[in-house]
Amino acid sequence: RNWVVSHMGGTGALRNYMVDTFVFLSFQLPLYI
């Protein structure tokens, strides 16, 4: 998460939402299954 956040440009609530959603989904879904 820290790595993705540091490499994604921009600021703001929408960016934070998109980054955290991407990180959560891309990392957790395969493990959850």
Full PDB file with SEQRES, HELIX, SHEET, SSBOND, CRYST1, ORIGX, SCALE, CONECT and MASTER records, all heavy atoms in Angstrom:
SEQRES   1 A   33  ARG ASN TRP VAL VAL SER HIS MET GLY GLY THR GLY ALA          
SEQRES   2 A   33  LEU ARG ASN TYR MET VAL ASP THR PHE VAL PHE LEU SER          
SEQRES   3 A   33  PHE GLN LEU PRO LEU TYR ILE                                  
HELIX    1 AA1 ASN A    2  HIS A    7  1                                   6    
HELIX    2 AA2 ALA A   13  TYR A   32  1                                  20    
CRYST1    1.000    1.000    1.000  90.00  90.00  90.00 P 1           1          
ORIGX1      1.000000  0.000000  0.000000        0.00000                         
ORIGX2      0.000000  1.000000  0.000000        0.00000                         
ORIGX3      0.000000  0.000000  1.000000        0.00000                         
SCALE1      1.000000  0.000000  0.000000        0.00000                         
SCALE2      0.000000  1.000000  0.000000        0.00000                         
SCALE3      0.000000  0.000000  1.000000        0.00000                         
ATOM      1  N   ARG A   1       0.837  -1.206   0.000  1.00  0.00           N  
ATOM      2  CA  ARG A   1       0.000   0.000   0.000  1.00  0.00           C  
ATOM      3  C   ARG A   1       0.867   1.249   0.000  1.00  0.00           C  
ATOM      4  O   ARG A   1       0.620   2.190  -0.760  1.00  0.00           O  
ATOM      5  CB  ARG A   1      -0.935   0.001   1.204  1.00  0.00           C  
ATOM      6  CG  ARG A   1      -1.813   1.241   1.270  1.00  0.00           C  
ATOM      7  CD  ARG A   1      -2.765   1.191   2.465  1.00  0.00           C  
ATOM      8  NE  ARG A   1      -3.564   2.392   2.520  1.00  0.00           N  
ATOM      9  CZ  ARG A   1      -3.292   3.424   3.320  1.00  0.00           C  
ATOM     10  NH1 ARG A   1      -2.246   3.395   4.134  1.00  0.00           N  
ATOM     11  NH2 ARG A   1      -4.069   4.485   3.307  1.00  0.00           N  
ATOM     12  N   ASN A   2       1.873   1.295   0.871  1.00  0.00           N  
ATOM     13  CA  ASN A   2       2.762   2.461   0.923  1.00  0.00           C  
ATOM     14  C   ASN A   2       3.447   2.684  -0.418  1.00  0.00           C  
ATOM     15  O   ASN A   2       3.601   3.815  -0.868  1.00  0.00           O  
ATOM     16  CB  ASN A   2       3.809   2.293   2.024  1.00  0.00           C  
ATOM     17  CG  ASN A   2       3.206   2.333   3.412  1.00  0.00           C  
ATOM     18  OD1 ASN A   2       2.069   2.742   3.609  1.00  0.00           O  
ATOM     19  ND2 ASN A   2       3.972   1.888   4.384  1.00  0.00           N  
ATOM     20  N   TRP A   3       3.872   1.599  -1.063  1.00  0.00           N  
ATOM     21  CA  TRP A   3       4.553   1.708  -2.350  1.00  0.00           C  
ATOM     22  C   TRP A   3       3.605   2.257  -3.416  1.00  0.00           C  
ATOM     23  O   TRP A   3       3.966   3.164  -4.168  1.00  0.00           O  
ATOM     24  CB  TRP A   3       5.114   0.351  -2.769  1.00  0.00           C  
ATOM     25  CG  TRP A   3       5.870   0.406  -4.048  1.00  0.00           C  
ATOM     26  CD1 TRP A   3       7.173   0.757  -4.211  1.00  0.00           C  
ATOM     27  CD2 TRP A   3       5.360   0.112  -5.351  1.00  0.00           C  
ATOM     28  NE1 TRP A   3       7.513   0.703  -5.545  1.00  0.00           N  
ATOM     29  CE2 TRP A   3       6.418   0.309  -6.269  1.00  0.00           C  
ATOM     30  CE3 TRP A   3       4.121  -0.300  -5.831  1.00  0.00           C  
ATOM     31  CZ2 TRP A   3       6.270   0.104  -7.628  1.00  0.00           C  
ATOM     32  CZ3 TRP A   3       3.974  -0.498  -7.198  1.00  0.00           C  
ATOM     33  CH2 TRP A   3       5.043  -0.289  -8.086  1.00  0.00           C  
ATOM     34  N   VAL A   4       2.389   1.701  -3.489  1.00  0.00           N  
ATOM     35  CA  VAL A   4       1.425   2.169  -4.490  1.00  0.00           C  
ATOM     36  C   VAL A   4       1.075   3.637  -4.232  1.00  0.00           C  
ATOM     37  O   VAL A   4       1.050   4.448  -5.162  1.00  0.00           O  
ATOM     38  CB  VAL A   4       0.153   1.288  -4.506  1.00  0.00           C  
ATOM     39  CG1 VAL A   4      -0.930   1.900  -5.369  1.00  0.00           C  
ATOM     40  CG2 VAL A   4       0.484  -0.111  -4.991  1.00  0.00           C  
ATOM     41  N   VAL A   5       0.832   3.986  -2.976  1.00  0.00           N  
ATOM     42  CA  VAL A   5       0.483   5.377  -2.638  1.00  0.00           C  
ATOM     43  C   VAL A   5       1.610   6.318  -3.039  1.00  0.00           C  
ATOM     44  O   VAL A   5       1.364   7.383  -3.602  1.00  0.00           O  
ATOM     45  CB  VAL A   5       0.148   5.504  -1.130  1.00  0.00           C  
ATOM     46  CG1 VAL A   5       0.115   6.954  -0.688  1.00  0.00           C  
ATOM     47  CG2 VAL A   5      -1.172   4.826  -0.817  1.00  0.00           C  
ATOM     48  N   SER A   6       2.840   5.923  -2.799  1.00  0.00           N  
ATOM     49  CA  SER A   6       3.970   6.809  -3.117  1.00  0.00           C  
ATOM     50  C   SER A   6       4.219   6.930  -4.614  1.00  0.00           C  
ATOM     51  O   SER A   6       4.799   7.914  -5.060  1.00  0.00           O  
ATOM     52  CB  SER A   6       5.240   6.330  -2.405  1.00  0.00           C  
ATOM     53  OG  SER A   6       5.689   5.118  -2.973  1.00  0.00           O  
ATOM     54  N   HIS A   7       3.792   5.946  -5.401  1.00  0.00           N  
ATOM     55  CA  HIS A   7       4.026   5.983  -6.848  1.00  0.00           C  
ATOM     56  C   HIS A   7       2.845   6.507  -7.668  1.00  0.00           C  
ATOM     57  O   HIS A   7       2.977   6.692  -8.874  1.00  0.00           O  
ATOM     58  CB  HIS A   7       4.435   4.597  -7.358  1.00  0.00           C  
ATOM     59  CG  HIS A   7       5.834   4.249  -6.998  1.00  0.00           C  
ATOM     60  ND1 HIS A   7       6.185   3.790  -5.755  1.00  0.00           N  
ATOM     61  CD2 HIS A   7       6.981   4.327  -7.711  1.00  0.00           C  
ATOM     62  CE1 HIS A   7       7.484   3.585  -5.719  1.00  0.00           C  
ATOM     63  NE2 HIS A   7       8.001   3.906  -6.891  1.00  0.00           N  
ATOM     64  N   MET A   8       1.722   6.708  -7.030  1.00  0.00           N  
ATOM     65  CA  MET A   8       0.553   7.249  -7.741  1.00  0.00           C  
ATOM     66  C   MET A   8       0.569   8.761  -7.565  1.00  0.00           C  
ATOM     67  O   MET A   8       0.628   9.250  -6.446  1.00  0.00           O  
ATOM     68  CB  MET A   8      -0.746   6.669  -7.196  1.00  0.00           C  
ATOM     69  CG  MET A   8      -0.851   5.166  -7.285  1.00  0.00           C  
ATOM     70  SD  MET A   8      -0.999   4.577  -8.954  1.00  0.00           S  
ATOM     71  CE  MET A   8      -2.747   4.484  -9.089  1.00  0.00           C  
ATOM     72  N   GLY A   9       0.506   9.467  -8.651  1.00  0.00           N  
ATOM     73  CA  GLY A   9       0.535  10.924  -8.575  1.00  0.00           C  
ATOM     74  C   GLY A   9      -0.807  11.486  -8.163  1.00  0.00           C  
ATOM     75  O   GLY A   9      -1.827  10.814  -8.188  1.00  0.00           O  
ATOM     76  N   GLY A  10      -0.791  12.743  -7.768  1.00  0.00           N  
ATOM     77  CA  GLY A  10      -2.027  13.447  -7.464  1.00  0.00           C  
ATOM     78  C   GLY A  10      -2.385  13.430  -6.000  1.00  0.00           C  
ATOM     79  O   GLY A  10      -1.759  12.760  -5.191  1.00  0.00           O  
ATOM     80  N   THR A  11      -3.391  14.233  -5.704  1.00  0.00           N  
ATOM     81  CA  THR A  11      -3.874  14.323  -4.330  1.00  0.00           C  
ATOM     82  C   THR A  11      -5.389  14.385  -4.364  1.00  0.00           C  
ATOM     83  O   THR A  11      -5.998  14.460  -5.419  1.00  0.00           O  
ATOM     84  CB  THR A  11      -3.341  15.597  -3.636  1.00  0.00           C  
ATOM     85  OG1 THR A  11      -3.787  16.731  -4.381  1.00  0.00           O  
ATOM     86  CG2 THR A  11      -1.834  15.598  -3.532  1.00  0.00           C  
ATOM     87  N   GLY A  12      -5.976  14.353  -3.220  1.00  0.00           N  
ATOM     88  CA  GLY A  12      -7.412  14.529  -3.121  1.00  0.00           C  
ATOM     89  C   GLY A  12      -8.144  13.273  -2.701  1.00  0.00           C  
ATOM     90  O   GLY A  12      -7.601  12.164  -2.710  1.00  0.00           O  
ATOM     91  N   ALA A  13      -9.399  13.477  -2.346  1.00  0.00           N  
ATOM     92  CA  ALA A  13     -10.229  12.390  -1.823  1.00  0.00           C  
ATOM     93  C   ALA A  13     -10.487  11.309  -2.869  1.00  0.00           C  
ATOM     94  O   ALA A  13     -10.446  10.118  -2.556  1.00  0.00           O  
ATOM     95  CB  ALA A  13     -11.547  12.954  -1.304  1.00  0.00           C  
ATOM     96  N   LEU A  14     -10.739  11.712  -4.116  1.00  0.00           N  
ATOM     97  CA  LEU A  14     -11.016  10.728  -5.164  1.00  0.00           C  
ATOM     98  C   LEU A  14      -9.782   9.854  -5.425  1.00  0.00           C  
ATOM     99  O   LEU A  14      -9.900   8.636  -5.565  1.00  0.00           O  
ATOM    100  CB  LEU A  14     -11.460  11.424  -6.454  1.00  0.00           C  
ATOM    101  CG  LEU A  14     -11.812  10.494  -7.615  1.00  0.00           C  
ATOM    102  CD1 LEU A  14     -12.950   9.552  -7.218  1.00  0.00           C  
ATOM    103  CD2 LEU A  14     -12.186  11.297  -8.856  1.00  0.00           C  
ATOM    104  N   ARG A  15      -8.619  10.469  -5.487  1.00  0.00           N  
ATOM    105  CA  ARG A  15      -7.380   9.722  -5.698  1.00  0.00           C  
ATOM    106  C   ARG A  15      -7.154   8.736  -4.545  1.00  0.00           C  
ATOM    107  O   ARG A  15      -6.838   7.570  -4.759  1.00  0.00           O  
ATOM    108  CB  ARG A  15      -6.192  10.667  -5.812  1.00  0.00           C  
ATOM    109  CG  ARG A  15      -4.861   9.930  -5.909  1.00  0.00           C  
ATOM    110  CD  ARG A  15      -3.717  10.872  -5.483  1.00  0.00           C  
ATOM    111  NE  ARG A  15      -2.509  10.115  -5.231  1.00  0.00           N  
ATOM    112  CZ  ARG A  15      -2.153   9.656  -4.033  1.00  0.00           C  
ATOM    113  NH1 ARG A  15      -2.905   9.858  -2.990  1.00  0.00           N  
ATOM    114  NH2 ARG A  15      -1.040   8.981  -3.884  1.00  0.00           N  
ATOM    115  N   ASN A  16      -7.328   9.197  -3.299  1.00  0.00           N  
ATOM    116  CA  ASN A  16      -7.137   8.328  -2.138  1.00  0.00           C  
ATOM    117  C   ASN A  16      -8.110   7.150  -2.180  1.00  0.00           C  
ATOM    118  O   ASN A  16      -7.737   6.015  -1.892  1.00  0.00           O  
ATOM    119  CB  ASN A  16      -7.328   9.109  -0.840  1.00  0.00           C  
ATOM    120  CG  ASN A  16      -6.251  10.148  -0.638  1.00  0.00           C  
ATOM    121  OD1 ASN A  16      -5.184  10.106  -1.253  1.00  0.00           O  
ATOM    122  ND2 ASN A  16      -6.523  11.113   0.223  1.00  0.00           N  
ATOM    123  N   TYR A  17      -9.348   7.427  -2.564  1.00  0.00           N  
ATOM    124  CA  TYR A  17     -10.353   6.376  -2.680  1.00  0.00           C  
ATOM    125  C   TYR A  17      -9.938   5.358  -3.745  1.00  0.00           C  
ATOM    126  O   TYR A  17      -9.980   4.146  -3.514  1.00  0.00           O  
ATOM    127  CB  TYR A  17     -11.725   6.987  -3.029  1.00  0.00           C  
ATOM    128  CG  TYR A  17     -12.742   5.976  -3.469  1.00  0.00           C  
ATOM    129  CD1 TYR A  17     -13.431   5.222  -2.532  1.00  0.00           C  
ATOM    130  CD2 TYR A  17     -12.996   5.752  -4.817  1.00  0.00           C  
ATOM    131  CE1 TYR A  17     -14.361   4.276  -2.931  1.00  0.00           C  
ATOM    132  CE2 TYR A  17     -13.924   4.808  -5.221  1.00  0.00           C  
ATOM    133  CZ  TYR A  17     -14.598   4.076  -4.276  1.00  0.00           C  
ATOM    134  OH  TYR A  17     -15.501   3.136  -4.669  1.00  0.00           O  
ATOM    135  N   MET A  18      -9.534   5.835  -4.912  1.00  0.00           N  
ATOM    136  CA  MET A  18      -9.160   4.932  -6.013  1.00  0.00           C  
ATOM    137  C   MET A  18      -7.922   4.106  -5.672  1.00  0.00           C  
ATOM    138  O   MET A  18      -7.876   2.903  -5.933  1.00  0.00           O  
ATOM    139  CB  MET A  18      -8.951   5.734  -7.301  1.00  0.00           C  
ATOM    140  CG  MET A  18     -10.258   6.274  -7.859  1.00  0.00           C  
ATOM    141  SD  MET A  18     -10.110   7.392  -9.262  1.00  0.00           S  
ATOM    142  CE  MET A  18      -8.891   6.655 -10.283  1.00  0.00           C  
ATOM    143  N   VAL A  19      -6.933   4.737  -5.086  1.00  0.00           N  
ATOM    144  CA  VAL A  19      -5.697   4.020  -4.734  1.00  0.00           C  
ATOM    145  C   VAL A  19      -5.980   2.954  -3.689  1.00  0.00           C  
ATOM    146  O   VAL A  19      -5.571   1.794  -3.839  1.00  0.00           O  
ATOM    147  CB  VAL A  19      -4.605   5.005  -4.250  1.00  0.00           C  
ATOM    148  CG1 VAL A  19      -3.441   4.272  -3.614  1.00  0.00           C  
ATOM    149  CG2 VAL A  19      -4.121   5.863  -5.403  1.00  0.00           C  
ATOM    150  N   ASP A  20      -6.684   3.308  -2.616  1.00  0.00           N  
ATOM    151  CA  ASP A  20      -6.968   2.325  -1.565  1.00  0.00           C  
ATOM    152  C   ASP A  20      -7.861   1.199  -2.070  1.00  0.00           C  
ATOM    153  O   ASP A  20      -7.698   0.042  -1.684  1.00  0.00           O  
ATOM    154  CB  ASP A  20      -7.601   3.002  -0.346  1.00  0.00           C  
ATOM    155  CG  ASP A  20      -6.559   3.594   0.590  1.00  0.00           C  
ATOM    156  OD1 ASP A  20      -5.432   3.084   0.632  1.00  0.00           O  
ATOM    157  OD2 ASP A  20      -6.884   4.566   1.290  1.00  0.00           O  
ATOM    158  N   THR A  21      -8.806   1.507  -2.945  1.00  0.00           N  
ATOM    159  CA  THR A  21      -9.666   0.473  -3.514  1.00  0.00           C  
ATOM    160  C   THR A  21      -8.859  -0.478  -4.393  1.00  0.00           C  
ATOM    161  O   THR A  21      -8.986  -1.701  -4.286  1.00  0.00           O  
ATOM    162  CB  THR A  21     -10.806   1.112  -4.325  1.00  0.00           C  
ATOM    163  OG1 THR A  21     -11.573   1.930  -3.441  1.00  0.00           O  
ATOM    164  CG2 THR A  21     -11.711   0.052  -4.936  1.00  0.00           C  
ATOM    165  N   PHE A  22      -7.992   0.080  -5.243  1.00  0.00           N  
ATOM    166  CA  PHE A  22      -7.141  -0.750  -6.098  1.00  0.00           C  
ATOM    167  C   PHE A  22      -6.232  -1.644  -5.255  1.00  0.00           C  
ATOM    168  O   PHE A  22      -6.126  -2.847  -5.498  1.00  0.00           O  
ATOM    169  CB  PHE A  22      -6.292   0.129  -7.028  1.00  0.00           C  
ATOM    170  CG  PHE A  22      -5.210  -0.632  -7.720  1.00  0.00           C  
ATOM    171  CD1 PHE A  22      -5.494  -1.484  -8.781  1.00  0.00           C  
ATOM    172  CD2 PHE A  22      -3.891  -0.542  -7.287  1.00  0.00           C  
ATOM    173  CE1 PHE A  22      -4.496  -2.217  -9.409  1.00  0.00           C  
ATOM    174  CE2 PHE A  22      -2.883  -1.266  -7.904  1.00  0.00           C  
ATOM    175  CZ  PHE A  22      -3.189  -2.106  -8.965  1.00  0.00           C  
ATOM    176  N   VAL A  23      -5.574  -1.074  -4.253  1.00  0.00           N  
ATOM    177  CA  VAL A  23      -4.657  -1.844  -3.402  1.00  0.00           C  
ATOM    178  C   VAL A  23      -5.417  -2.958  -2.693  1.00  0.00           C  
ATOM    179  O   VAL A  23      -4.989  -4.114  -2.683  1.00  0.00           O  
ATOM    180  CB  VAL A  23      -3.948  -0.915  -2.382  1.00  0.00           C  
ATOM    181  CG1 VAL A  23      -3.230  -1.715  -1.313  1.00  0.00           C  
ATOM    182  CG2 VAL A  23      -2.984   0.012  -3.086  1.00  0.00           C  
ATOM    183  N   PHE A  24      -6.537  -2.622  -2.114  1.00  0.00           N  
ATOM    184  CA  PHE A  24      -7.312  -3.596  -1.357  1.00  0.00           C  
ATOM    185  C   PHE A  24      -7.779  -4.747  -2.244  1.00  0.00           C  
ATOM    186  O   PHE A  24      -7.606  -5.922  -1.906  1.00  0.00           O  
ATOM    187  CB  PHE A  24      -8.521  -2.897  -0.710  1.00  0.00           C  
ATOM    188  CG  PHE A  24      -9.196  -3.704   0.352  1.00  0.00           C  
ATOM    189  CD1 PHE A  24      -8.677  -3.759   1.631  1.00  0.00           C  
ATOM    190  CD2 PHE A  24     -10.361  -4.405   0.082  1.00  0.00           C  
ATOM    191  CE1 PHE A  24      -9.301  -4.492   2.621  1.00  0.00           C  
ATOM    192  CE2 PHE A  24     -10.991  -5.141   1.062  1.00  0.00           C  
ATOM    193  CZ  PHE A  24     -10.461  -5.191   2.337  1.00  0.00           C  
ATOM    194  N   LEU A  25      -8.331  -4.412  -3.394  1.00  0.00           N  
ATOM    195  CA  LEU A  25      -8.866  -5.429  -4.294  1.00  0.00           C  
ATOM    196  C   LEU A  25      -7.759  -6.280  -4.912  1.00  0.00           C  
ATOM    197  O   LEU A  25      -7.845  -7.513  -4.928  1.00  0.00           O  
ATOM    198  CB  LEU A  25      -9.699  -4.766  -5.392  1.00  0.00           C  
ATOM    199  CG  LEU A  25     -10.550  -5.675  -6.256  1.00  0.00           C  
ATOM    200  CD1 LEU A  25     -11.491  -6.498  -5.410  1.00  0.00           C  
ATOM    201  CD2 LEU A  25     -11.340  -4.837  -7.257  1.00  0.00           C  
ATOM    202  N   SER A  26      -6.703  -5.652  -5.388  1.00  0.00           N  
ATOM    203  CA  SER A  26      -5.641  -6.400  -6.070  1.00  0.00           C  
ATOM    204  C   SER A  26      -4.849  -7.291  -5.121  1.00  0.00           C  
ATOM    205  O   SER A  26      -4.318  -8.320  -5.525  1.00  0.00           O  
ATOM    206  CB  SER A  26      -4.691  -5.444  -6.796  1.00  0.00           C  
ATOM    207  OG  SER A  26      -3.991  -4.628  -5.878  1.00  0.00           O  
ATOM    208  N   PHE A  27      -4.790  -6.933  -3.878  1.00  0.00           N  
ATOM    209  CA  PHE A  27      -4.016  -7.731  -2.925  1.00  0.00           C  
ATOM    210  C   PHE A  27      -4.890  -8.748  -2.203  1.00  0.00           C  
ATOM    211  O   PHE A  27      -4.485  -9.890  -2.001  1.00  0.00           O  
ATOM    212  CB  PHE A  27      -3.343  -6.797  -1.906  1.00  0.00           C  
ATOM    213  CG  PHE A  27      -2.239  -7.442  -1.119  1.00  0.00           C  
ATOM    214  CD1 PHE A  27      -0.929  -7.369  -1.554  1.00  0.00           C  
ATOM    215  CD2 PHE A  27      -2.499  -8.117   0.055  1.00  0.00           C  
ATOM    216  CE1 PHE A  27       0.102  -7.953  -0.830  1.00  0.00           C  
ATOM    217  CE2 PHE A  27      -1.475  -8.710   0.785  1.00  0.00           C  
ATOM    218  CZ  PHE A  27      -0.176  -8.628   0.334  1.00  0.00           C  
ATOM    219  N   GLN A  28      -6.086  -8.351  -1.811  1.00  0.00           N  
ATOM    220  CA  GLN A  28      -6.894  -9.187  -0.929  1.00  0.00           C  
ATOM    221  C   GLN A  28      -7.771 -10.225  -1.631  1.00  0.00           C  
ATOM    222  O   GLN A  28      -7.988 -11.297  -1.078  1.00  0.00           O  
ATOM    223  CB  GLN A  28      -7.797  -8.298  -0.056  1.00  0.00           C  
ATOM    224  CG  GLN A  28      -7.046  -7.438   0.921  1.00  0.00           C  
ATOM    225  CD  GLN A  28      -6.373  -8.235   2.027  1.00  0.00           C  
ATOM    226  OE1 GLN A  28      -6.599  -9.424   2.180  1.00  0.00           O  
ATOM    227  NE2 GLN A  28      -5.527  -7.574   2.784  1.00  0.00           N  
ATOM    228  N   LEU A  29      -8.308  -9.915  -2.799  1.00  0.00           N  
ATOM    229  CA  LEU A  29      -9.248 -10.842  -3.434  1.00  0.00           C  
ATOM    230  C   LEU A  29      -8.638 -12.223  -3.704  1.00  0.00           C  
ATOM    231  O   LEU A  29      -9.243 -13.240  -3.337  1.00  0.00           O  
ATOM    232  CB  LEU A  29      -9.841 -10.247  -4.716  1.00  0.00           C  
ATOM    233  CG  LEU A  29     -10.873 -11.143  -5.413  1.00  0.00           C  
ATOM    234  CD1 LEU A  29     -12.055 -11.425  -4.507  1.00  0.00           C  
ATOM    235  CD2 LEU A  29     -11.323 -10.517  -6.719  1.00  0.00           C  
ATOM    236  N   PRO A  30      -7.459 -12.311  -4.317  1.00  0.00           N  
ATOM    237  CA  PRO A  30      -6.892 -13.660  -4.527  1.00  0.00           C  
ATOM    238  C   PRO A  30      -6.673 -14.426  -3.218  1.00  0.00           C  
ATOM    239  O   PRO A  30      -6.931 -15.627  -3.139  1.00  0.00           O  
ATOM    240  CB  PRO A  30      -5.562 -13.388  -5.231  1.00  0.00           C  
ATOM    241  CG  PRO A  30      -5.698 -12.023  -5.806  1.00  0.00           C  
ATOM    242  CD  PRO A  30      -6.623 -11.274  -4.913  1.00  0.00           C  
ATOM    243  N   LEU A  31      -6.239 -13.725  -2.197  1.00  0.00           N  
ATOM    244  CA  LEU A  31      -6.007 -14.375  -0.901  1.00  0.00           C  
ATOM    245  C   LEU A  31      -7.334 -14.801  -0.257  1.00  0.00           C  
ATOM    246  O   LEU A  31      -7.407 -15.863   0.369  1.00  0.00           O  
ATOM    247  CB  LEU A  31      -5.253 -13.423   0.024  1.00  0.00           C  
ATOM    248  CG  LEU A  31      -3.863 -13.029  -0.470  1.00  0.00           C  
ATOM    249  CD1 LEU A  31      -3.271 -11.959   0.424  1.00  0.00           C  
ATOM    250  CD2 LEU A  31      -2.950 -14.230  -0.546  1.00  0.00           C  
ATOM    251  N   TYR A  32      -8.357 -13.994  -0.416  1.00  0.00           N  
ATOM    252  CA  TYR A  32      -9.676 -14.318   0.138  1.00  0.00           C  
ATOM    253  C   TYR A  32     -10.232 -15.582  -0.505  1.00  0.00           C  
ATOM    254  O   TYR A  32     -10.765 -16.461   0.179  1.00  0.00           O  
ATOM    255  CB  TYR A  32     -10.616 -13.124  -0.077  1.00  0.00           C  
ATOM    256  CG  TYR A  32     -11.973 -13.281   0.543  1.00  0.00           C  
ATOM    257  CD1 TYR A  32     -12.138 -13.376   1.917  1.00  0.00           C  
ATOM    258  CD2 TYR A  32     -13.115 -13.316  -0.250  1.00  0.00           C  
ATOM    259  CE1 TYR A  32     -13.397 -13.504   2.486  1.00  0.00           C  
ATOM    260  CE2 TYR A  32     -14.382 -13.439   0.311  1.00  0.00           C  
ATOM    261  CZ  TYR A  32     -14.509 -13.540   1.678  1.00  0.00           C  
ATOM    262  OH  TYR A  32     -15.756 -13.663   2.238  1.00  0.00           O  
ATOM    263  N   ILE A  33     -10.082 -15.715  -1.801  1.00  0.00           N  
ATOM    264  CA  ILE A  33     -10.567 -16.902  -2.515  1.00  0.00           C  
ATOM    265  C   ILE A  33      -9.824 -18.154  -2.026  1.00  0.00           C  
ATOM    266  O   ILE A  33     -10.442 -19.180  -1.749  1.00  0.00           O  
ATOM    267  CB  ILE A  33     -10.417 -16.711  -4.038  1.00  0.00           C  
ATOM    268  CG1 ILE A  33     -11.396 -15.636  -4.526  1.00  0.00           C  
ATOM    269  CG2 ILE A  33     -10.637 -18.031  -4.776  1.00  0.00           C  
ATOM    270  CD1 ILE A  33     -11.161 -15.190  -5.954  1.00  0.00           C  
TER     271      ILE A  33                                                      
MASTER        0    0    0    2    0    0    0    6  270    1    0    3          
END                                                                             
